[in-house]
Amino acid sequence: MFDIKDDYLAAGDALTQLLAPLVASQQLKKVYQANELSDVDERSQITPAAHVLYMGDVMPDTAQGGNTSQIKQTWLVVLACRLSIHERQAGEQLVSLLNAVVGKSVKVGDQLLGPFVRVNSSIKPRFTKSHGYYPMAVTVQLRFKPS
C-alpha cells in the first residue's frame, strides 16, 4: 500500500502519468488536472481530452492501528469530446481510457501507487450542443501516518 509522505493528491499525478501514452499516441490531445480546469473554456476546449478530478476519500469504519490511517481516495477521469462525426467515437475512446487506468499501478519514488479500481461514478454524463463529457470513477487505497 502506498504511504502518503509529501503529496496527499499524488494519485492525480499517477493517473495523469497512466494517461500520457494516450496523448503520445494522439488518442487524447491533453490531460487536464483539476487546478487547470478553470482555464478551460468550452469554446476553446481541446478534444478529445481527459480531466482528472479528486472526488474525496473515505476511511474504513474499523479501528485504525495507532495514528496510521488507511484511506480510499476516489478520482474522476472525465473524457471530454466534441460531438462530431469527425472525431473518434466516444465509446472507443472510453475503452482506451479504461484500459490505460483500471487495474494499473504507477511507481512513485520507491513505492507503487495503485492499483486503480473502477467504481460507480456519482456524476452522470453531460452533453452540451457541441461536447460530451463522460465521467469514469476509480478508487485507490493509500496509507497516511502523520509525522
N, C-alpha and C. Protein backbone atom coordinates (compact mmCIF):
# COMPACT_ATOMS: atom_id res chain seq x y z
N MET A 1 0.85 -1.18 0.00
CA MET A 1 0.00 0.00 0.00
C MET A 1 0.89 1.24 0.00
N PHE A 2 0.50 2.23 -0.78
CA PHE A 2 1.27 3.46 -0.93
C PHE A 2 1.18 4.31 0.33
N ASP A 3 2.33 4.71 0.86
CA ASP A 3 2.37 5.59 2.02
C ASP A 3 2.45 7.04 1.55
N ILE A 4 1.48 7.85 1.96
CA ILE A 4 1.48 9.28 1.63
C ILE A 4 2.54 9.94 2.49
N LYS A 5 3.52 10.55 1.82
CA LYS A 5 4.59 11.22 2.57
C LYS A 5 4.57 12.72 2.34
N ASP A 6 4.60 13.14 1.07
CA ASP A 6 4.73 14.56 0.76
C ASP A 6 3.50 15.14 0.06
N ASP A 7 2.76 14.32 -0.67
CA ASP A 7 1.68 14.85 -1.50
C ASP A 7 0.42 14.00 -1.32
N TYR A 8 -0.57 14.57 -0.64
CA TYR A 8 -1.83 13.86 -0.39
C TYR A 8 -2.56 13.55 -1.68
N LEU A 9 -2.32 14.33 -2.74
CA LEU A 9 -3.02 14.16 -4.01
C LEU A 9 -2.11 13.54 -5.08
N ALA A 10 -1.14 12.73 -4.66
CA ALA A 10 -0.20 12.10 -5.59
C ALA A 10 -0.90 11.21 -6.61
N ALA A 11 -2.05 10.68 -6.27
CA ALA A 11 -2.77 9.81 -7.20
C ALA A 11 -3.19 10.55 -8.47
N GLY A 12 -3.41 11.86 -8.38
CA GLY A 12 -3.75 12.65 -9.57
C GLY A 12 -2.61 12.66 -10.57
N ASP A 13 -1.39 12.83 -10.08
CA ASP A 13 -0.22 12.78 -10.97
C ASP A 13 -0.04 11.38 -11.53
N ALA A 14 -0.33 10.36 -10.71
CA ALA A 14 -0.20 8.98 -11.18
C ALA A 14 -1.20 8.70 -12.30
N LEU A 15 -2.44 9.17 -12.16
CA LEU A 15 -3.43 8.99 -13.22
C LEU A 15 -3.01 9.72 -14.50
N THR A 16 -2.48 10.92 -14.34
CA THR A 16 -2.00 11.68 -15.50
C THR A 16 -0.89 10.91 -16.20
N GLN A 17 -0.01 10.30 -15.42
CA GLN A 17 1.08 9.51 -15.98
C GLN A 17 0.54 8.29 -16.73
N LEU A 18 -0.49 7.64 -16.19
CA LEU A 18 -1.08 6.49 -16.86
C LEU A 18 -1.76 6.88 -18.18
N LEU A 19 -2.28 8.10 -18.23
CA LEU A 19 -2.96 8.57 -19.44
C LEU A 19 -2.00 9.15 -20.48
N ALA A 20 -0.75 9.41 -20.10
CA ALA A 20 0.24 10.01 -21.01
C ALA A 20 0.43 9.22 -22.31
N PRO A 21 0.44 7.88 -22.29
CA PRO A 21 0.58 7.16 -23.57
C PRO A 21 -0.57 7.43 -24.54
N LEU A 22 -1.75 7.75 -24.03
CA LEU A 22 -2.87 8.08 -24.92
C LEU A 22 -2.65 9.43 -25.60
N VAL A 23 -1.95 10.33 -24.91
CA VAL A 23 -1.59 11.62 -25.52
C VAL A 23 -0.50 11.39 -26.55
N ALA A 24 0.49 10.58 -26.19
CA ALA A 24 1.60 10.30 -27.11
C ALA A 24 1.12 9.65 -28.40
N SER A 25 0.09 8.79 -28.29
CA SER A 25 -0.44 8.11 -29.47
C SER A 25 -1.54 8.92 -30.15
N GLN A 26 -1.80 10.11 -29.65
CA GLN A 26 -2.78 11.05 -30.17
C GLN A 26 -4.23 10.57 -30.05
N GLN A 27 -4.48 9.61 -29.15
CA GLN A 27 -5.86 9.22 -28.85
C GLN A 27 -6.52 10.30 -27.99
N LEU A 28 -5.70 10.99 -27.17
CA LEU A 28 -6.13 12.17 -26.42
C LEU A 28 -5.19 13.30 -26.83
N LYS A 29 -5.71 14.51 -26.80
CA LYS A 29 -4.85 15.65 -27.12
C LYS A 29 -4.26 16.28 -25.88
N LYS A 30 -4.95 16.12 -24.72
CA LYS A 30 -4.45 16.74 -23.49
C LYS A 30 -5.08 16.05 -22.29
N VAL A 31 -4.33 16.04 -21.18
CA VAL A 31 -4.86 15.60 -19.89
C VAL A 31 -4.78 16.80 -18.95
N TYR A 32 -5.94 17.22 -18.44
CA TYR A 32 -6.02 18.35 -17.52
C TYR A 32 -6.15 17.82 -16.10
N GLN A 33 -5.51 18.52 -15.15
CA GLN A 33 -5.75 18.23 -13.74
C GLN A 33 -6.67 19.32 -13.20
N ALA A 34 -7.28 19.06 -12.06
CA ALA A 34 -8.31 19.95 -11.52
C ALA A 34 -7.86 21.41 -11.45
N ASN A 35 -6.61 21.66 -11.10
CA ASN A 35 -6.17 23.04 -10.97
C ASN A 35 -6.07 23.75 -12.31
N GLU A 36 -6.16 23.02 -13.42
CA GLU A 36 -6.13 23.63 -14.74
C GLU A 36 -7.52 23.82 -15.33
N LEU A 37 -8.54 23.25 -14.69
CA LEU A 37 -9.88 23.27 -15.26
C LEU A 37 -10.48 24.66 -15.35
N SER A 38 -10.08 25.53 -14.46
CA SER A 38 -10.65 26.88 -14.51
C SER A 38 -10.24 27.61 -15.79
N ASP A 39 -9.16 27.16 -16.40
CA ASP A 39 -8.69 27.79 -17.64
C ASP A 39 -9.38 27.25 -18.88
N VAL A 40 -10.16 26.19 -18.73
CA VAL A 40 -10.77 25.54 -19.88
C VAL A 40 -12.11 26.21 -20.19
N ASP A 41 -12.23 26.69 -21.38
CA ASP A 41 -13.45 27.29 -21.87
C ASP A 41 -13.95 26.38 -22.99
N GLU A 42 -15.20 25.99 -22.93
CA GLU A 42 -15.70 25.03 -23.91
C GLU A 42 -15.48 25.51 -25.34
N ARG A 43 -15.52 26.79 -25.56
CA ARG A 43 -15.33 27.30 -26.92
C ARG A 43 -13.92 27.01 -27.44
N SER A 44 -12.96 26.88 -26.53
CA SER A 44 -11.59 26.60 -26.95
C SER A 44 -11.10 25.26 -26.41
N GLN A 45 -12.02 24.43 -25.95
CA GLN A 45 -11.68 23.12 -25.39
C GLN A 45 -10.93 22.28 -26.42
N ILE A 46 -9.78 21.76 -26.02
CA ILE A 46 -9.03 20.84 -26.87
C ILE A 46 -9.64 19.46 -26.66
N THR A 47 -10.05 18.82 -27.74
CA THR A 47 -10.65 17.49 -27.60
C THR A 47 -10.03 16.54 -28.62
N PRO A 48 -10.08 15.27 -28.32
CA PRO A 48 -10.55 14.68 -27.06
C PRO A 48 -9.51 14.91 -25.96
N ALA A 49 -10.02 15.06 -24.75
CA ALA A 49 -9.17 15.32 -23.59
C ALA A 49 -9.71 14.56 -22.39
N ALA A 50 -8.86 14.39 -21.40
CA ALA A 50 -9.27 13.79 -20.14
C ALA A 50 -9.06 14.81 -19.03
N HIS A 51 -10.00 14.88 -18.11
CA HIS A 51 -9.92 15.76 -16.95
C HIS A 51 -9.83 14.88 -15.70
N VAL A 52 -8.81 15.08 -14.88
CA VAL A 52 -8.59 14.28 -13.67
C VAL A 52 -9.00 15.13 -12.48
N LEU A 53 -9.96 14.63 -11.70
CA LEU A 53 -10.51 15.39 -10.57
C LEU A 53 -10.54 14.54 -9.30
N TYR A 54 -10.09 15.12 -8.21
CA TYR A 54 -10.17 14.48 -6.90
C TYR A 54 -11.59 14.61 -6.39
N MET A 55 -12.20 13.49 -5.97
CA MET A 55 -13.59 13.50 -5.52
C MET A 55 -13.74 13.23 -4.02
N GLY A 56 -12.62 13.10 -3.31
CA GLY A 56 -12.70 12.89 -1.87
C GLY A 56 -12.20 11.53 -1.46
N ASP A 57 -12.32 11.26 -0.17
CA ASP A 57 -11.84 9.98 0.34
C ASP A 57 -12.74 9.49 1.47
N VAL A 58 -12.57 8.23 1.79
CA VAL A 58 -13.27 7.61 2.92
C VAL A 58 -12.27 6.76 3.67
N MET A 59 -12.55 6.60 4.95
CA MET A 59 -11.75 5.71 5.78
C MET A 59 -12.67 4.58 6.24
N PRO A 60 -12.12 3.38 6.39
CA PRO A 60 -12.97 2.27 6.84
C PRO A 60 -13.51 2.51 8.24
N ASP A 61 -14.66 1.90 8.53
CA ASP A 61 -15.28 2.05 9.84
C ASP A 61 -14.55 1.27 10.93
N THR A 62 -13.66 0.37 10.54
CA THR A 62 -12.95 -0.44 11.52
C THR A 62 -11.88 0.39 12.21
N ALA A 63 -11.40 -0.09 13.33
CA ALA A 63 -10.39 0.63 14.10
C ALA A 63 -9.10 0.74 13.30
N GLN A 64 -8.47 1.88 13.41
CA GLN A 64 -7.18 2.13 12.75
C GLN A 64 -6.07 1.77 13.73
N GLY A 65 -4.95 1.30 13.19
CA GLY A 65 -3.82 0.95 14.04
C GLY A 65 -3.02 2.19 14.43
N GLY A 66 -3.05 2.57 15.72
CA GLY A 66 -2.31 3.75 16.16
C GLY A 66 -2.84 4.99 15.48
N ASN A 67 -1.93 5.82 14.98
CA ASN A 67 -2.38 7.02 14.28
C ASN A 67 -2.21 6.89 12.77
N THR A 68 -2.01 5.66 12.30
CA THR A 68 -1.93 5.41 10.85
C THR A 68 -3.33 5.20 10.31
N SER A 69 -3.66 5.88 9.22
CA SER A 69 -4.99 5.78 8.61
C SER A 69 -4.89 5.15 7.23
N GLN A 70 -5.77 4.21 6.98
CA GLN A 70 -5.92 3.69 5.63
C GLN A 70 -7.03 4.49 4.96
N ILE A 71 -6.75 4.93 3.76
CA ILE A 71 -7.66 5.85 3.06
C ILE A 71 -7.97 5.28 1.69
N LYS A 72 -9.22 5.42 1.29
CA LYS A 72 -9.60 5.08 -0.08
C LYS A 72 -10.01 6.38 -0.76
N GLN A 73 -9.18 6.83 -1.71
CA GLN A 73 -9.47 8.05 -2.45
C GLN A 73 -10.26 7.70 -3.71
N THR A 74 -11.18 8.59 -4.08
CA THR A 74 -11.93 8.45 -5.31
C THR A 74 -11.52 9.57 -6.26
N TRP A 75 -11.24 9.19 -7.48
CA TRP A 75 -10.84 10.13 -8.53
C TRP A 75 -11.77 9.97 -9.71
N LEU A 76 -12.05 11.06 -10.38
CA LEU A 76 -12.88 11.06 -11.57
C LEU A 76 -11.99 11.36 -12.76
N VAL A 77 -12.11 10.55 -13.78
CA VAL A 77 -11.45 10.82 -15.06
C VAL A 77 -12.57 11.05 -16.05
N VAL A 78 -12.67 12.29 -16.54
CA VAL A 78 -13.77 12.67 -17.43
C VAL A 78 -13.24 12.80 -18.85
N LEU A 79 -13.80 12.00 -19.74
CA LEU A 79 -13.47 12.12 -21.15
C LEU A 79 -14.31 13.25 -21.73
N ALA A 80 -13.65 14.23 -22.33
CA ALA A 80 -14.36 15.34 -23.00
C ALA A 80 -14.12 15.18 -24.49
N CYS A 81 -15.20 15.15 -25.25
CA CYS A 81 -15.03 15.04 -26.70
C CYS A 81 -16.09 15.86 -27.41
N ARG A 82 -15.73 16.26 -28.59
CA ARG A 82 -16.63 17.04 -29.43
C ARG A 82 -17.65 16.08 -30.04
N LEU A 83 -18.89 16.50 -30.08
CA LEU A 83 -19.94 15.66 -30.66
C LEU A 83 -19.95 15.89 -32.18
N SER A 84 -19.07 15.18 -32.84
CA SER A 84 -18.89 15.38 -34.28
C SER A 84 -18.58 14.04 -34.92
N ILE A 85 -19.01 13.85 -36.12
CA ILE A 85 -18.73 12.59 -36.81
C ILE A 85 -17.26 12.49 -37.18
N HIS A 86 -16.53 13.59 -37.10
CA HIS A 86 -15.12 13.58 -37.47
C HIS A 86 -14.21 13.09 -36.35
N GLU A 87 -14.69 13.11 -35.12
CA GLU A 87 -13.87 12.62 -34.02
C GLU A 87 -14.16 11.14 -33.79
N ARG A 88 -13.17 10.47 -33.27
CA ARG A 88 -13.31 9.06 -32.93
C ARG A 88 -14.52 8.87 -32.04
N GLN A 89 -15.20 7.79 -32.16
CA GLN A 89 -16.39 7.53 -31.35
C GLN A 89 -16.05 7.51 -29.87
N ALA A 90 -16.91 8.12 -29.06
CA ALA A 90 -16.69 8.20 -27.61
C ALA A 90 -16.55 6.82 -26.99
N GLY A 91 -17.31 5.86 -27.45
CA GLY A 91 -17.23 4.50 -26.91
C GLY A 91 -15.84 3.90 -27.05
N GLU A 92 -15.22 4.11 -28.19
CA GLU A 92 -13.86 3.61 -28.42
C GLU A 92 -12.87 4.35 -27.52
N GLN A 93 -13.06 5.64 -27.37
CA GLN A 93 -12.17 6.42 -26.52
C GLN A 93 -12.30 6.01 -25.05
N LEU A 94 -13.51 5.71 -24.62
CA LEU A 94 -13.71 5.26 -23.24
C LEU A 94 -13.01 3.94 -22.98
N VAL A 95 -13.05 3.02 -23.95
CA VAL A 95 -12.36 1.74 -23.79
C VAL A 95 -10.85 1.98 -23.65
N SER A 96 -10.29 2.85 -24.48
CA SER A 96 -8.86 3.17 -24.39
C SER A 96 -8.52 3.77 -23.03
N LEU A 97 -9.35 4.69 -22.57
CA LEU A 97 -9.13 5.34 -21.29
C LEU A 97 -9.17 4.32 -20.14
N LEU A 98 -10.18 3.47 -20.14
CA LEU A 98 -10.29 2.46 -19.08
C LEU A 98 -9.13 1.47 -19.12
N ASN A 99 -8.74 1.05 -20.32
CA ASN A 99 -7.60 0.13 -20.44
C ASN A 99 -6.31 0.75 -19.91
N ALA A 100 -6.18 2.07 -20.04
CA ALA A 100 -4.97 2.76 -19.59
C ALA A 100 -4.91 2.88 -18.07
N VAL A 101 -6.06 2.86 -17.40
CA VAL A 101 -6.09 3.19 -15.97
C VAL A 101 -6.48 2.02 -15.07
N VAL A 102 -7.55 1.32 -15.39
CA VAL A 102 -8.13 0.33 -14.48
C VAL A 102 -7.17 -0.85 -14.25
N GLY A 103 -6.93 -1.11 -12.97
CA GLY A 103 -6.06 -2.21 -12.58
C GLY A 103 -4.58 -1.88 -12.64
N LYS A 104 -4.25 -0.66 -13.00
CA LYS A 104 -2.85 -0.27 -13.17
C LYS A 104 -2.30 0.38 -11.91
N SER A 105 -0.98 0.29 -11.77
CA SER A 105 -0.24 0.94 -10.69
C SER A 105 0.88 1.75 -11.31
N VAL A 106 1.38 2.73 -10.56
CA VAL A 106 2.45 3.61 -11.03
C VAL A 106 3.53 3.66 -9.96
N LYS A 107 4.78 3.60 -10.39
CA LYS A 107 5.88 3.73 -9.45
C LYS A 107 6.08 5.22 -9.13
N VAL A 108 6.00 5.54 -7.84
CA VAL A 108 6.21 6.90 -7.36
C VAL A 108 7.34 6.82 -6.34
N GLY A 109 8.49 7.33 -6.71
CA GLY A 109 9.67 7.18 -5.85
C GLY A 109 10.01 5.70 -5.76
N ASP A 110 10.07 5.18 -4.55
CA ASP A 110 10.39 3.76 -4.37
C ASP A 110 9.15 2.92 -4.05
N GLN A 111 7.96 3.49 -4.26
CA GLN A 111 6.71 2.80 -3.95
C GLN A 111 5.82 2.67 -5.17
N LEU A 112 4.92 1.69 -5.12
CA LEU A 112 3.88 1.57 -6.14
C LEU A 112 2.61 2.20 -5.63
N LEU A 113 1.99 3.03 -6.44
CA LEU A 113 0.71 3.65 -6.11
C LEU A 113 -0.33 2.96 -6.99
N GLY A 114 -1.27 2.29 -6.37
CA GLY A 114 -2.30 1.58 -7.11
C GLY A 114 -2.56 0.24 -6.46
N PRO A 115 -3.35 -0.56 -7.09
CA PRO A 115 -4.00 -0.40 -8.39
C PRO A 115 -5.22 0.51 -8.29
N PHE A 116 -5.57 1.10 -9.44
CA PHE A 116 -6.78 1.90 -9.55
C PHE A 116 -7.93 0.96 -9.90
N VAL A 117 -9.00 1.04 -9.12
CA VAL A 117 -10.15 0.14 -9.26
C VAL A 117 -11.36 0.95 -9.72
N ARG A 118 -12.04 0.48 -10.73
CA ARG A 118 -13.22 1.20 -11.23
C ARG A 118 -14.39 1.02 -10.27
N VAL A 119 -15.09 2.11 -10.02
CA VAL A 119 -16.29 2.11 -9.18
C VAL A 119 -17.38 2.91 -9.89
N ASN A 120 -18.59 2.84 -9.35
CA ASN A 120 -19.69 3.63 -9.92
C ASN A 120 -19.41 5.11 -9.73
N SER A 121 -19.66 5.86 -10.77
CA SER A 121 -19.49 7.31 -10.70
C SER A 121 -20.76 7.95 -10.16
N SER A 122 -20.59 8.89 -9.25
CA SER A 122 -21.76 9.62 -8.74
C SER A 122 -22.16 10.74 -9.70
N ILE A 123 -21.34 10.97 -10.70
CA ILE A 123 -21.60 12.01 -11.70
C ILE A 123 -22.07 11.35 -12.99
N LYS A 124 -23.13 11.86 -13.55
CA LYS A 124 -23.67 11.33 -14.80
C LYS A 124 -23.03 12.04 -15.99
N PRO A 125 -23.03 11.38 -17.16
CA PRO A 125 -22.52 12.06 -18.36
C PRO A 125 -23.32 13.34 -18.62
N ARG A 126 -22.65 14.31 -19.24
CA ARG A 126 -23.29 15.60 -19.52
C ARG A 126 -23.02 15.95 -20.98
N PHE A 127 -24.01 16.57 -21.59
CA PHE A 127 -23.90 16.92 -23.00
C PHE A 127 -24.31 18.37 -23.21
N THR A 128 -23.57 19.06 -24.06
CA THR A 128 -23.93 20.40 -24.48
C THR A 128 -24.21 20.32 -25.98
N LYS A 129 -24.41 21.44 -26.62
CA LYS A 129 -24.65 21.43 -28.06
C LYS A 129 -23.49 20.83 -28.84
N SER A 130 -22.28 21.03 -28.32
CA SER A 130 -21.11 20.62 -29.10
C SER A 130 -20.21 19.59 -28.43
N HIS A 131 -20.38 19.33 -27.12
CA HIS A 131 -19.46 18.44 -26.41
C HIS A 131 -20.19 17.40 -25.58
N GLY A 132 -19.51 16.28 -25.38
CA GLY A 132 -19.96 15.24 -24.47
C GLY A 132 -18.91 15.06 -23.39
N TYR A 133 -19.35 14.87 -22.14
CA TYR A 133 -18.45 14.67 -21.01
C TYR A 133 -18.83 13.34 -20.34
N TYR A 134 -17.91 12.39 -20.34
CA TYR A 134 -18.17 11.04 -19.87
C TYR A 134 -17.30 10.75 -18.65
N PRO A 135 -17.88 10.74 -17.43
CA PRO A 135 -17.09 10.51 -16.22
C PRO A 135 -16.90 9.02 -15.90
N MET A 136 -15.69 8.68 -15.53
CA MET A 136 -15.34 7.34 -15.07
C MET A 136 -14.68 7.49 -13.70
N ALA A 137 -15.18 6.81 -12.68
CA ALA A 137 -14.62 6.93 -11.33
C ALA A 137 -13.74 5.74 -11.01
N VAL A 138 -12.63 6.03 -10.33
CA VAL A 138 -11.72 4.99 -9.86
C VAL A 138 -11.35 5.29 -8.41
N THR A 139 -11.02 4.24 -7.67
CA THR A 139 -10.54 4.41 -6.30
C THR A 139 -9.14 3.83 -6.21
N VAL A 140 -8.42 4.29 -5.18
CA VAL A 140 -7.10 3.76 -4.89
C VAL A 140 -6.92 3.78 -3.36
N GLN A 141 -6.26 2.74 -2.85
CA GLN A 141 -6.01 2.64 -1.41
C GLN A 141 -4.66 3.25 -1.07
N LEU A 142 -4.63 4.05 -0.01
CA LEU A 142 -3.42 4.73 0.44
C LEU A 142 -3.33 4.63 1.95
N ARG A 143 -2.16 4.95 2.47
CA ARG A 143 -1.98 4.95 3.93
C ARG A 143 -1.34 6.28 4.33
N PHE A 144 -1.83 6.85 5.42
CA PHE A 144 -1.28 8.12 5.91
C PHE A 144 -0.92 7.99 7.38
N LYS A 145 0.32 8.38 7.68
CA LYS A 145 0.78 8.41 9.08
C LYS A 145 1.38 9.79 9.31
N PRO A 146 0.76 10.59 10.18
CA PRO A 146 1.30 11.92 10.44
C PRO A 146 2.73 11.84 10.97
N SER A 147 3.53 12.80 10.58
CA SER A 147 4.95 12.78 11.06
C SER A 147 5.09 13.49 12.38
